Amino acid sequence: MTAFHPKQDEYGAPVALHFPTPPTSVDSWLDPQQLATVVPQGVLPAALCGIPFEAWRDAPQNDAGWAVVAGQDAPFDEPPFVPAPGKRVAAGVVIVESDGRVWVVHPSNGFGGYPATFPKGTLDPGMLLRATAIREAYEESGLRVALSGYLMDLTRSRSRTRYYLGRRVGGCPSDMGWESQAVSLVPRALLGKLLVNPNDAPLVAWLQA
């Protein structure tokens, strides 16, 4: 059954969801051993791990705002980024909740061959990798994150992506943008069953090590 995302795409067009992801119960969010999933404008507990689920009302609206967004200044080391010839530069973030579960997004209609994946996106001209990772986390998951470390650089068919480790400091997953049809909080033991695209395998292996 086709549904429509409550948010329009970047051209102002409606986004049809041909195979909507089913949500889980509210109780699943409070049990660290359970997979929890929310859909756009879905029902959530008021808070998780002491952090409220509240929409990020003053999120940046343009590249200038994202360039100076809070959460990118943690003093961790990372190697120089080496682009891959002919591929886009991208950044993403693996967001680990304090209960041990990991946040993943479900791209609308499985875009790119990803039924589920980690937030990531292309670097805009003049933008920093860290700021891009925070922006993509918000746009795809509705979450406000702070980066806490460098994970790895992965080369895919069309891009080379730098991945950071991050933690949720605010936001609300039911406020996800149109690019995602659901957001899940996943126990690490279940990540391999949900993130089946081989491009994510190195990140899943790191999380389960």
N, C-alpha and C. Protein backbone atom coordinates (compact mmCIF):
# COMPACT_ATOMS: atom_id res chain seq x y z
N MET A 1 0.85 -1.20 0.00
CA MET A 1 0.00 0.00 0.00
C MET A 1 0.88 1.25 0.00
N THR A 2 0.67 2.15 -0.95
CA THR A 2 1.47 3.36 -1.07
C THR A 2 1.00 4.41 -0.06
N ALA A 3 1.96 4.98 0.65
CA ALA A 3 1.69 6.10 1.54
C ALA A 3 2.53 7.28 1.05
N PHE A 4 2.38 8.43 1.69
CA PHE A 4 3.15 9.59 1.31
C PHE A 4 3.88 10.15 2.53
N HIS A 5 5.12 10.51 2.31
CA HIS A 5 5.90 11.13 3.39
C HIS A 5 5.27 12.49 3.72
N PRO A 6 5.21 12.86 5.00
CA PRO A 6 4.62 14.16 5.34
C PRO A 6 5.47 15.36 4.89
N LYS A 7 6.73 15.11 4.53
CA LYS A 7 7.59 16.19 4.04
C LYS A 7 7.82 16.02 2.54
N GLN A 8 7.86 17.13 1.82
CA GLN A 8 8.11 17.11 0.39
C GLN A 8 9.60 17.08 0.10
N ASP A 9 9.96 16.69 -1.13
CA ASP A 9 11.37 16.65 -1.49
C ASP A 9 11.90 18.05 -1.77
N GLU A 10 13.16 18.14 -2.20
CA GLU A 10 13.79 19.46 -2.36
C GLU A 10 13.17 20.29 -3.48
N TYR A 11 12.34 19.66 -4.31
CA TYR A 11 11.66 20.38 -5.38
C TYR A 11 10.21 20.70 -5.02
N GLY A 12 9.83 20.37 -3.80
CA GLY A 12 8.46 20.62 -3.37
C GLY A 12 7.46 19.60 -3.85
N ALA A 13 7.96 18.44 -4.28
CA ALA A 13 7.07 17.39 -4.78
C ALA A 13 6.79 16.36 -3.69
N PRO A 14 5.60 15.75 -3.70
CA PRO A 14 5.30 14.71 -2.71
C PRO A 14 6.16 13.47 -2.93
N VAL A 15 6.46 12.76 -1.84
CA VAL A 15 7.28 11.57 -1.89
C VAL A 15 6.41 10.36 -1.56
N ALA A 16 6.17 9.53 -2.57
CA ALA A 16 5.38 8.31 -2.36
C ALA A 16 6.26 7.24 -1.75
N LEU A 17 5.76 6.57 -0.74
CA LEU A 17 6.46 5.46 -0.09
C LEU A 17 5.75 4.17 -0.46
N HIS A 18 6.36 3.41 -1.35
CA HIS A 18 5.68 2.26 -1.92
C HIS A 18 5.64 1.05 -0.97
N PHE A 19 6.65 0.94 -0.12
CA PHE A 19 6.68 -0.16 0.84
C PHE A 19 7.05 0.41 2.21
N PRO A 20 6.11 1.07 2.88
CA PRO A 20 6.39 1.73 4.17
C PRO A 20 6.94 0.75 5.20
N THR A 21 7.87 1.23 6.00
CA THR A 21 8.45 0.44 7.08
C THR A 21 7.49 0.44 8.27
N PRO A 22 7.19 -0.71 8.86
CA PRO A 22 6.28 -0.72 10.01
C PRO A 22 6.97 -0.22 11.28
N PRO A 23 6.29 0.55 12.09
CA PRO A 23 6.86 0.98 13.37
C PRO A 23 6.74 -0.10 14.42
N THR A 24 7.50 0.06 15.49
CA THR A 24 7.39 -0.83 16.64
C THR A 24 6.64 -0.11 17.76
N SER A 25 6.37 -0.84 18.83
CA SER A 25 5.63 -0.26 19.96
C SER A 25 6.48 0.76 20.70
N VAL A 26 5.82 1.62 21.44
CA VAL A 26 6.52 2.61 22.25
C VAL A 26 7.42 1.92 23.28
N ASP A 27 6.98 0.79 23.81
CA ASP A 27 7.78 0.08 24.81
C ASP A 27 9.13 -0.37 24.27
N SER A 28 9.21 -0.63 22.98
CA SER A 28 10.48 -1.12 22.41
C SER A 28 11.60 -0.11 22.56
N TRP A 29 11.26 1.17 22.63
CA TRP A 29 12.29 2.20 22.78
C TRP A 29 12.95 2.15 24.15
N LEU A 30 12.26 1.63 25.13
CA LEU A 30 12.76 1.65 26.50
C LEU A 30 13.50 0.38 26.88
N ASP A 31 13.58 -0.58 25.97
CA ASP A 31 14.26 -1.84 26.23
C ASP A 31 15.51 -1.94 25.38
N PRO A 32 16.71 -1.85 25.97
CA PRO A 32 17.96 -1.86 25.20
C PRO A 32 18.18 -3.12 24.38
N GLN A 33 17.42 -4.18 24.66
CA GLN A 33 17.58 -5.43 23.92
C GLN A 33 16.67 -5.51 22.70
N GLN A 34 15.81 -4.51 22.50
CA GLN A 34 14.84 -4.56 21.41
C GLN A 34 15.19 -3.59 20.29
N LEU A 35 14.82 -3.99 19.07
CA LEU A 35 14.84 -3.09 17.93
C LEU A 35 13.65 -2.15 18.04
N ALA A 36 13.90 -0.85 17.90
CA ALA A 36 12.83 0.15 17.96
C ALA A 36 12.82 0.94 16.65
N THR A 37 11.63 1.12 16.09
CA THR A 37 11.50 1.82 14.81
C THR A 37 10.37 2.82 14.87
N VAL A 38 10.62 4.02 14.34
CA VAL A 38 9.59 5.05 14.25
C VAL A 38 9.48 5.51 12.81
N VAL A 39 8.28 5.88 12.41
CA VAL A 39 8.02 6.40 11.07
C VAL A 39 7.80 7.91 11.19
N PRO A 40 7.76 8.63 10.06
CA PRO A 40 7.55 10.08 10.13
C PRO A 40 6.29 10.44 10.92
N GLN A 41 6.45 11.33 11.87
CA GLN A 41 5.39 11.80 12.76
C GLN A 41 4.84 10.68 13.64
N GLY A 42 5.63 9.62 13.83
CA GLY A 42 5.19 8.50 14.66
C GLY A 42 5.25 8.79 16.14
N VAL A 43 4.76 7.84 16.93
CA VAL A 43 4.66 8.00 18.38
C VAL A 43 5.94 7.51 19.03
N LEU A 44 6.43 8.29 20.00
CA LEU A 44 7.66 7.99 20.73
C LEU A 44 7.46 8.26 22.21
N PRO A 45 8.32 7.69 23.06
CA PRO A 45 8.31 8.12 24.46
C PRO A 45 8.78 9.57 24.54
N ALA A 46 8.54 10.22 25.65
CA ALA A 46 8.91 11.63 25.79
C ALA A 46 10.42 11.83 25.78
N ALA A 47 11.15 10.81 26.25
CA ALA A 47 12.61 10.94 26.36
C ALA A 47 13.22 9.56 26.33
N LEU A 48 14.52 9.52 26.09
CA LEU A 48 15.28 8.26 26.11
C LEU A 48 16.64 8.54 26.71
N CYS A 49 17.02 7.72 27.69
CA CYS A 49 18.32 7.87 28.34
C CYS A 49 18.53 9.28 28.87
N GLY A 50 17.45 9.89 29.34
CA GLY A 50 17.53 11.21 29.95
C GLY A 50 17.55 12.38 28.98
N ILE A 51 17.46 12.12 27.68
CA ILE A 51 17.46 13.18 26.68
C ILE A 51 16.08 13.23 26.02
N PRO A 52 15.39 14.36 26.08
CA PRO A 52 14.04 14.44 25.51
C PRO A 52 14.06 14.26 23.99
N PHE A 53 12.97 13.74 23.47
CA PHE A 53 12.73 13.73 22.03
C PHE A 53 11.98 15.01 21.68
N GLU A 54 12.69 15.99 21.18
CA GLU A 54 12.10 17.28 20.82
C GLU A 54 12.69 17.73 19.49
N ALA A 55 11.84 18.18 18.59
CA ALA A 55 12.31 18.64 17.28
C ALA A 55 13.32 19.76 17.44
N TRP A 56 14.34 19.75 16.61
CA TRP A 56 15.41 20.77 16.62
C TRP A 56 14.89 22.00 15.87
N ARG A 57 14.25 22.89 16.61
CA ARG A 57 13.54 24.01 15.99
C ARG A 57 14.47 25.04 15.37
N ASP A 58 15.67 25.23 15.93
CA ASP A 58 16.58 26.26 15.40
C ASP A 58 17.74 25.64 14.64
N ALA A 59 17.49 24.50 14.00
CA ALA A 59 18.53 23.89 13.18
C ALA A 59 18.93 24.84 12.05
N PRO A 60 20.20 24.82 11.63
CA PRO A 60 20.63 25.69 10.53
C PRO A 60 19.79 25.48 9.29
N GLN A 61 19.64 26.56 8.52
CA GLN A 61 18.83 26.52 7.31
C GLN A 61 19.63 26.65 6.02
N ASN A 62 20.95 26.85 6.15
CA ASN A 62 21.78 27.01 4.95
C ASN A 62 23.21 26.57 5.28
N ASP A 63 24.06 26.54 4.26
CA ASP A 63 25.43 26.08 4.44
C ASP A 63 26.20 26.95 5.42
N ALA A 64 25.93 28.25 5.42
CA ALA A 64 26.63 29.13 6.35
C ALA A 64 26.33 28.75 7.79
N GLY A 65 25.09 28.39 8.06
CA GLY A 65 24.73 27.96 9.41
C GLY A 65 25.33 26.62 9.77
N TRP A 66 25.30 25.69 8.83
CA TRP A 66 25.87 24.37 9.12
C TRP A 66 27.38 24.44 9.30
N ALA A 67 28.04 25.37 8.64
CA ALA A 67 29.50 25.47 8.74
C ALA A 67 29.96 25.73 10.17
N VAL A 68 29.12 26.38 10.96
CA VAL A 68 29.51 26.73 12.34
C VAL A 68 28.65 26.01 13.36
N VAL A 69 27.94 24.97 12.96
CA VAL A 69 27.04 24.27 13.87
C VAL A 69 27.81 23.66 15.03
N ALA A 70 27.20 23.67 16.20
CA ALA A 70 27.82 23.06 17.38
C ALA A 70 27.89 21.55 17.20
N GLY A 71 28.87 20.95 17.88
CA GLY A 71 29.00 19.50 17.86
C GLY A 71 30.15 18.98 17.03
N GLN A 72 30.88 19.87 16.36
CA GLN A 72 31.97 19.43 15.48
C GLN A 72 33.35 19.77 16.03
N ASP A 73 33.43 20.28 17.24
CA ASP A 73 34.71 20.78 17.75
C ASP A 73 35.38 19.88 18.77
N ALA A 74 34.92 18.66 18.95
CA ALA A 74 35.56 17.76 19.90
C ALA A 74 37.03 17.53 19.50
N PRO A 75 37.94 17.49 20.48
CA PRO A 75 39.37 17.40 20.18
C PRO A 75 39.84 15.97 19.91
N PHE A 76 39.40 15.39 18.81
CA PHE A 76 39.90 14.06 18.45
C PHE A 76 40.72 14.17 17.16
N ASP A 77 41.63 13.25 17.00
CA ASP A 77 42.49 13.24 15.82
C ASP A 77 41.81 12.52 14.67
N GLU A 78 42.09 12.95 13.48
CA GLU A 78 41.66 12.25 12.28
C GLU A 78 42.69 12.48 11.18
N PRO A 79 42.91 11.48 10.34
CA PRO A 79 43.92 11.62 9.29
C PRO A 79 43.43 12.55 8.19
N PRO A 80 44.35 13.09 7.39
CA PRO A 80 43.93 13.89 6.23
C PRO A 80 43.04 13.05 5.31
N PHE A 81 42.03 13.68 4.77
CA PHE A 81 41.13 12.95 3.87
C PHE A 81 41.74 12.93 2.48
N VAL A 82 41.79 11.74 1.88
CA VAL A 82 42.34 11.57 0.54
C VAL A 82 41.20 11.18 -0.40
N PRO A 83 40.75 12.10 -1.26
CA PRO A 83 39.64 11.77 -2.16
C PRO A 83 40.02 10.66 -3.14
N ALA A 84 39.02 9.95 -3.63
CA ALA A 84 39.22 8.93 -4.65
C ALA A 84 38.95 9.55 -6.01
N PRO A 85 39.82 9.34 -6.98
CA PRO A 85 39.63 9.95 -8.30
C PRO A 85 38.28 9.61 -8.91
N GLY A 86 37.59 10.64 -9.38
CA GLY A 86 36.31 10.44 -10.04
C GLY A 86 35.14 10.16 -9.13
N LYS A 87 35.34 10.24 -7.82
CA LYS A 87 34.25 9.94 -6.88
C LYS A 87 33.92 11.17 -6.03
N ARG A 88 32.67 11.27 -5.63
CA ARG A 88 32.25 12.36 -4.76
C ARG A 88 32.85 12.21 -3.37
N VAL A 89 33.00 13.33 -2.69
CA VAL A 89 33.42 13.32 -1.29
C VAL A 89 32.17 13.39 -0.42
N ALA A 90 32.09 12.54 0.59
CA ALA A 90 30.91 12.49 1.45
C ALA A 90 31.33 12.30 2.90
N ALA A 91 30.39 12.52 3.79
CA ALA A 91 30.63 12.32 5.22
C ALA A 91 29.40 11.73 5.86
N GLY A 92 29.62 10.90 6.88
CA GLY A 92 28.52 10.27 7.59
C GLY A 92 28.86 10.09 9.05
N VAL A 93 27.90 9.59 9.81
CA VAL A 93 28.12 9.43 11.24
C VAL A 93 27.40 8.19 11.75
N VAL A 94 28.08 7.46 12.62
CA VAL A 94 27.50 6.33 13.33
C VAL A 94 27.14 6.82 14.72
N ILE A 95 25.85 6.88 15.01
CA ILE A 95 25.36 7.46 16.25
C ILE A 95 25.06 6.34 17.24
N VAL A 96 25.78 6.32 18.34
CA VAL A 96 25.61 5.28 19.35
C VAL A 96 24.87 5.87 20.54
N GLU A 97 23.74 5.26 20.89
CA GLU A 97 22.96 5.71 22.05
C GLU A 97 23.64 5.23 23.32
N SER A 98 23.39 5.90 24.42
CA SER A 98 24.05 5.54 25.67
C SER A 98 23.59 4.18 26.21
N ASP A 99 22.48 3.63 25.68
CA ASP A 99 22.08 2.29 26.10
C ASP A 99 22.76 1.20 25.26
N GLY A 100 23.66 1.60 24.36
CA GLY A 100 24.42 0.65 23.56
C GLY A 100 23.88 0.40 22.17
N ARG A 101 22.64 0.78 21.92
CA ARG A 101 22.07 0.59 20.59
C ARG A 101 22.59 1.64 19.61
N VAL A 102 22.37 1.39 18.33
CA VAL A 102 22.91 2.23 17.27
C VAL A 102 21.77 2.74 16.40
N TRP A 103 21.83 4.01 16.03
CA TRP A 103 20.80 4.62 15.20
C TRP A 103 21.08 4.35 13.73
N VAL A 104 20.04 3.93 12.99
CA VAL A 104 20.15 3.76 11.54
C VAL A 104 18.91 4.37 10.89
N VAL A 105 19.06 4.70 9.62
CA VAL A 105 17.95 5.27 8.85
C VAL A 105 17.54 4.29 7.76
N HIS A 106 16.27 4.36 7.37
CA HIS A 106 15.73 3.54 6.29
C HIS A 106 15.45 4.48 5.11
N PRO A 107 16.33 4.51 4.11
CA PRO A 107 16.10 5.42 2.98
C PRO A 107 14.74 5.17 2.32
N SER A 108 14.09 6.24 1.93
CA SER A 108 12.78 6.12 1.30
C SER A 108 12.86 5.25 0.06
N ASN A 109 12.02 4.23 0.02
CA ASN A 109 11.96 3.28 -1.09
C ASN A 109 13.28 2.55 -1.32
N GLY A 110 14.06 2.39 -0.25
CA GLY A 110 15.31 1.65 -0.37
C GLY A 110 16.29 2.29 -1.33
N PHE A 111 16.32 3.60 -1.37
CA PHE A 111 17.15 4.33 -2.35
C PHE A 111 18.61 3.85 -2.28
N GLY A 112 19.20 3.67 -3.45
CA GLY A 112 20.59 3.27 -3.54
C GLY A 112 20.86 1.82 -3.18
N GLY A 113 19.78 1.04 -2.97
CA GLY A 113 19.97 -0.35 -2.57
C GLY A 113 20.21 -0.53 -1.09
N TYR A 114 19.74 0.43 -0.28
CA TYR A 114 19.92 0.38 1.17
C TYR A 114 18.57 0.30 1.87
N PRO A 115 18.14 -0.88 2.31
CA PRO A 115 16.94 -0.93 3.15
C PRO A 115 17.15 -0.23 4.48
N ALA A 116 18.40 -0.20 4.94
CA ALA A 116 18.79 0.54 6.14
C ALA A 116 20.28 0.85 6.02
N THR A 117 20.68 1.97 6.63
CA THR A 117 22.08 2.38 6.55
C THR A 117 22.35 3.44 7.61
N PHE A 118 23.57 3.97 7.61
CA PHE A 118 23.93 5.05 8.51
C PHE A 118 23.77 6.39 7.78
N PRO A 119 23.44 7.46 8.51
CA PRO A 119 23.30 8.76 7.84
C PRO A 119 24.60 9.18 7.16
N LYS A 120 24.48 9.68 5.93
CA LYS A 120 25.65 10.14 5.18
C LYS A 120 25.17 10.99 4.02
N GLY A 121 26.08 11.81 3.47
CA GLY A 121 25.71 12.63 2.33
C GLY A 121 26.89 13.33 1.73
N THR A 122 26.68 13.91 0.57
CA THR A 122 27.75 14.54 -0.21
C THR A 122 28.18 15.87 0.39
N LEU A 123 29.47 16.13 0.31
CA LEU A 123 30.06 17.38 0.77
C LEU A 123 29.76 18.49 -0.22
N ASP A 124 29.19 19.60 0.25
CA ASP A 124 28.97 20.76 -0.60
C ASP A 124 30.26 21.58 -0.70
N PRO A 125 30.45 22.33 -1.79
CA PRO A 125 31.65 23.17 -1.92
C PRO A 125 31.82 24.11 -0.73
N GLY A 126 33.01 24.12 -0.16
CA GLY A 126 33.31 24.99 0.96
C GLY A 126 32.89 24.47 2.32
N MET A 127 32.21 23.33 2.37
CA MET A 127 31.74 22.78 3.63
C MET A 127 32.79 21.83 4.21
N LEU A 128 32.82 21.73 5.53
CA LEU A 128 33.74 20.82 6.21
C LEU A 128 33.11 19.44 6.36
N LEU A 129 33.96 18.43 6.44
CA LEU A 129 33.47 17.07 6.59
C LEU A 129 32.67 16.90 7.88
N ARG A 130 33.16 17.45 8.98
CA ARG A 130 32.47 17.28 10.25
C ARG A 130 31.09 17.93 10.22
N ALA A 131 31.01 19.13 9.67
CA ALA A 131 29.72 19.82 9.59
C ALA A 131 28.76 19.05 8.68
N THR A 132 29.27 18.47 7.62
CA THR A 132 28.43 17.70 6.71
C THR A 132 27.85 16.48 7.42
N ALA A 133 28.65 15.81 8.22
CA ALA A 133 28.16 14.64 8.95
C ALA A 133 27.02 15.01 9.89
N ILE A 134 27.14 16.13 10.59
CA ILE A 134 26.09 16.57 11.51
C ILE A 134 24.83 16.95 10.73
N ARG A 135 25.01 17.63 9.62
CA ARG A 135 23.86 18.01 8.79
C ARG A 135 23.11 16.79 8.27
N GLU A 136 23.86 15.82 7.75
CA GLU A 136 23.21 14.63 7.20
C GLU A 136 22.49 13.83 8.28
N ALA A 137 23.08 13.77 9.47
CA ALA A 137 22.39 13.08 10.56
C ALA A 137 21.05 13.72 10.84
N TYR A 138 21.00 15.05 10.86
CA TYR A 138 19.75 15.73 11.13
C TYR A 138 18.75 15.54 9.99
N GLU A 139 19.21 15.74 8.76
CA GLU A 139 18.28 15.67 7.63
C GLU A 139 17.69 14.28 7.46
N GLU A 140 18.48 13.24 7.74
CA GLU A 140 18.02 11.88 7.49
C GLU A 140 17.40 11.21 8.71
N SER A 141 17.76 11.65 9.92
CA SER A 141 17.24 10.99 11.11
C SER A 141 16.46 11.91 12.04
N GLY A 142 16.53 13.22 11.83
CA GLY A 142 15.89 14.15 12.74
C GLY A 142 16.66 14.40 14.02
N LEU A 143 17.83 13.76 14.16
CA LEU A 143 18.60 13.85 15.40
C LEU A 143 19.64 14.96 15.35
N ARG A 144 19.85 15.55 16.48
CA ARG A 144 20.96 16.50 16.67
C ARG A 144 22.10 15.74 17.33
N VAL A 145 23.26 15.74 16.70
CA VAL A 145 24.37 14.93 17.20
C VAL A 145 25.61 15.78 17.44
N ALA A 146 26.46 15.26 18.30
CA ALA A 146 27.80 15.81 18.52
C ALA A 146 28.79 14.71 18.15
N LEU A 147 29.81 15.06 17.39
CA LEU A 147 30.80 14.09 16.98
C LEU A 147 31.79 13.84 18.11
N SER A 148 32.21 12.58 18.24
CA SER A 148 33.12 12.22 19.34
C SER A 148 34.37 11.49 18.88
N GLY A 149 34.47 11.16 17.60
CA GLY A 149 35.66 10.47 17.14
C GLY A 149 35.63 10.18 15.66
N TYR A 150 36.79 9.79 15.13
CA TYR A 150 36.92 9.38 13.74
C TYR A 150 36.80 7.86 13.67
N LEU A 151 36.07 7.35 12.68
CA LEU A 151 35.93 5.90 12.52
C LEU A 151 36.77 5.38 11.36
N MET A 152 36.39 5.72 10.13
CA MET A 152 37.10 5.18 8.97
C MET A 152 36.65 5.92 7.72
N ASP A 153 37.41 5.74 6.63
CA ASP A 153 37.05 6.24 5.32
C ASP A 153 36.74 5.03 4.44
N LEU A 154 35.61 5.07 3.74
CA LEU A 154 35.18 3.96 2.89
C LEU A 154 34.94 4.44 1.47
N THR A 155 35.45 3.69 0.52
CA THR A 155 35.25 4.00 -0.90
C THR A 155 34.14 3.13 -1.45
N ARG A 156 33.15 3.79 -2.03
CA ARG A 156 32.01 3.10 -2.62
C ARG A 156 32.04 3.30 -4.13
N SER A 157 30.98 2.86 -4.80
CA SER A 157 30.97 2.94 -6.27
C SER A 157 31.00 4.37 -6.77
N ARG A 158 30.39 5.30 -6.03
CA ARG A 158 30.31 6.68 -6.50
C ARG A 158 30.92 7.70 -5.56
N SER A 159 31.35 7.29 -4.39
CA SER A 159 31.86 8.27 -3.43
C SER A 159 32.92 7.65 -2.52
N ARG A 160 33.64 8.52 -1.87
CA ARG A 160 34.51 8.15 -0.76
C ARG A 160 34.01 8.90 0.45
N THR A 161 33.68 8.16 1.50
CA THR A 161 32.98 8.74 2.64
C THR A 161 33.80 8.63 3.91
N ARG A 162 33.91 9.75 4.62
CA ARG A 162 34.51 9.74 5.96
C ARG A 162 33.41 9.55 6.99
N TYR A 163 33.61 8.56 7.87
CA TYR A 163 32.63 8.28 8.92
C TYR A 163 33.18 8.68 10.27
N TYR A 164 32.30 9.33 11.03
CA TYR A 164 32.61 9.73 12.40
C TYR A 164 31.74 8.93 13.37
N LEU A 165 32.18 8.90 14.61
CA LEU A 165 31.38 8.39 15.72
C LEU A 165 30.67 9.58 16.35
N GLY A 166 29.40 9.41 16.71
CA GLY A 166 28.65 10.50 17.29
C GLY A 166 27.70 10.04 18.37
N ARG A 167 27.15 11.01 19.09
CA ARG A 167 26.17 10.73 20.14
C ARG A 167 24.99 11.70 19.98
N ARG A 168 23.83 11.24 20.33
CA ARG A 168 22.63 12.07 20.26
C ARG A 168 22.62 13.08 21.40
N VAL A 169 22.39 14.35 21.07
CA VAL A 169 22.28 15.39 22.09
C VAL A 169 20.93 16.10 22.03
N GLY A 170 20.09 15.72 21.08
CA GLY A 170 18.78 16.35 20.94
C GLY A 170 18.10 15.86 19.67
N GLY A 171 17.06 16.60 19.29
CA GLY A 171 16.32 16.23 18.10
C GLY A 171 15.28 15.16 18.35
N CYS A 172 14.60 14.75 17.26
CA CYS A 172 13.52 13.77 17.38
C CYS A 172 13.46 12.94 16.11
N PRO A 173 13.59 11.63 16.21
CA PRO A 173 13.63 10.82 14.99
C PRO A 173 12.34 10.85 14.17
N SER A 174 11.20 11.10 14.78
CA SER A 174 9.96 11.17 14.01
C SER A 174 9.90 12.42 13.14
N ASP A 175 10.89 13.31 13.31
CA ASP A 175 11.00 14.54 12.51
C ASP A 175 11.93 14.34 11.32
N MET A 176 12.21 13.10 10.96
CA MET A 176 13.10 12.78 9.84
C MET A 176 12.68 13.47 8.55
N GLY A 177 13.67 13.78 7.70
CA GLY A 177 13.38 14.39 6.41
C GLY A 177 12.84 13.38 5.41
N TRP A 178 12.51 13.87 4.23
CA TRP A 178 11.85 13.05 3.22
C TRP A 178 12.73 11.92 2.69
N GLU A 179 14.03 12.03 2.85
CA GLU A 179 14.91 10.98 2.34
C GLU A 179 14.82 9.68 3.14
N SER A 180 14.19 9.73 4.32
CA SER A 180 14.07 8.54 5.16
C SER A 180 12.60 8.22 5.40
N GLN A 181 12.25 6.95 5.31
CA GLN A 181 10.87 6.54 5.58
C GLN A 181 10.71 5.96 6.97
N ALA A 182 11.83 5.77 7.68
CA ALA A 182 11.79 5.31 9.07
C ALA A 182 13.19 5.49 9.66
N VAL A 183 13.24 5.51 10.99
CA VAL A 183 14.50 5.56 11.74
C VAL A 183 14.43 4.48 12.81
N SER A 184 15.52 3.76 12.97
CA SER A 184 15.54 2.66 13.95
C SER A 184 16.69 2.82 14.93
N LEU A 185 16.48 2.29 16.12
CA LEU A 185 17.50 2.16 17.14
C LEU A 185 17.73 0.66 17.32
N VAL A 186 18.95 0.21 17.02
CA VAL A 186 19.19 -1.21 16.80
C VAL A 186 20.23 -1.78 17.77
N PRO A 187 19.92 -2.88 18.47
CA PRO A 187 20.95 -3.58 19.24
C PRO A 187 22.08 -4.02 18.30
N ARG A 188 23.30 -3.93 18.77
CA ARG A 188 24.44 -4.22 17.89
C ARG A 188 24.38 -5.63 17.31
N ALA A 189 23.87 -6.58 18.06
CA ALA A 189 23.81 -7.95 17.57
C ALA A 189 22.89 -8.10 16.37
N LEU A 190 21.97 -7.16 16.16
CA LEU A 190 21.02 -7.25 15.06
C LEU A 190 21.42 -6.41 13.85
N LEU A 191 22.51 -5.67 13.95
CA LEU A 191 22.88 -4.77 12.86
C LEU A 191 23.11 -5.51 11.55
N GLY A 192 23.74 -6.68 11.61
CA GLY A 192 24.04 -7.43 10.40
C GLY A 192 22.81 -7.90 9.66
N LYS A 193 21.70 -8.10 10.38
CA LYS A 193 20.46 -8.54 9.74
C LYS A 193 19.72 -7.38 9.08
N LEU A 194 19.95 -6.18 9.58
CA LEU A 194 19.22 -5.01 9.09
C LEU A 194 20.01 -4.27 8.01
N LEU A 195 21.32 -4.15 8.20
CA LEU A 195 22.17 -3.43 7.26
C LEU A 195 22.82 -4.44 6.32
N VAL A 196 22.10 -4.77 5.26
CA VAL A 196 22.52 -5.87 4.40
C VAL A 196 23.33 -5.40 3.20
N ASN A 197 23.39 -4.11 2.94
CA ASN A 197 24.22 -3.64 1.83
C ASN A 197 25.69 -3.84 2.21
N PRO A 198 26.49 -4.51 1.36
CA PRO A 198 27.88 -4.80 1.70
C PRO A 198 28.73 -3.56 1.94
N ASN A 199 28.31 -2.41 1.45
CA ASN A 199 29.08 -1.19 1.69
C ASN A 199 29.15 -0.84 3.17
N ASP A 200 28.16 -1.28 3.94
CA ASP A 200 28.14 -0.97 5.38
C ASP A 200 28.83 -2.03 6.22
N ALA A 201 29.28 -3.12 5.60
CA ALA A 201 29.85 -4.24 6.36
C ALA A 201 31.04 -3.84 7.23
N PRO A 202 31.98 -3.00 6.77
CA PRO A 202 33.09 -2.63 7.66
C PRO A 202 32.65 -1.90 8.92
N LEU A 203 31.63 -1.07 8.81
CA LEU A 203 31.13 -0.35 9.98
C LEU A 203 30.41 -1.31 10.93
N VAL A 204 29.61 -2.21 10.38
CA VAL A 204 28.93 -3.19 11.21
C VAL A 204 29.95 -4.07 11.95
N ALA A 205 31.00 -4.50 11.26
CA ALA A 205 32.03 -5.32 11.88
C ALA A 205 32.72 -4.58 13.01
N TRP A 206 32.98 -3.29 12.81
CA TRP A 206 33.62 -2.49 13.86
C TRP A 206 32.71 -2.40 15.09
N LEU A 207 31.43 -2.19 14.88
CA LEU A 207 30.48 -2.04 15.98
C LEU A 207 30.29 -3.34 16.74
N GLN A 208 30.45 -4.48 16.05
CA GLN A 208 30.23 -5.76 16.69
C GLN A 208 31.51 -6.39 17.23
N ALA A 209 32.63 -5.75 16.98
CA ALA A 209 33.92 -6.31 17.44
C ALA A 209 34.00 -6.29 18.97
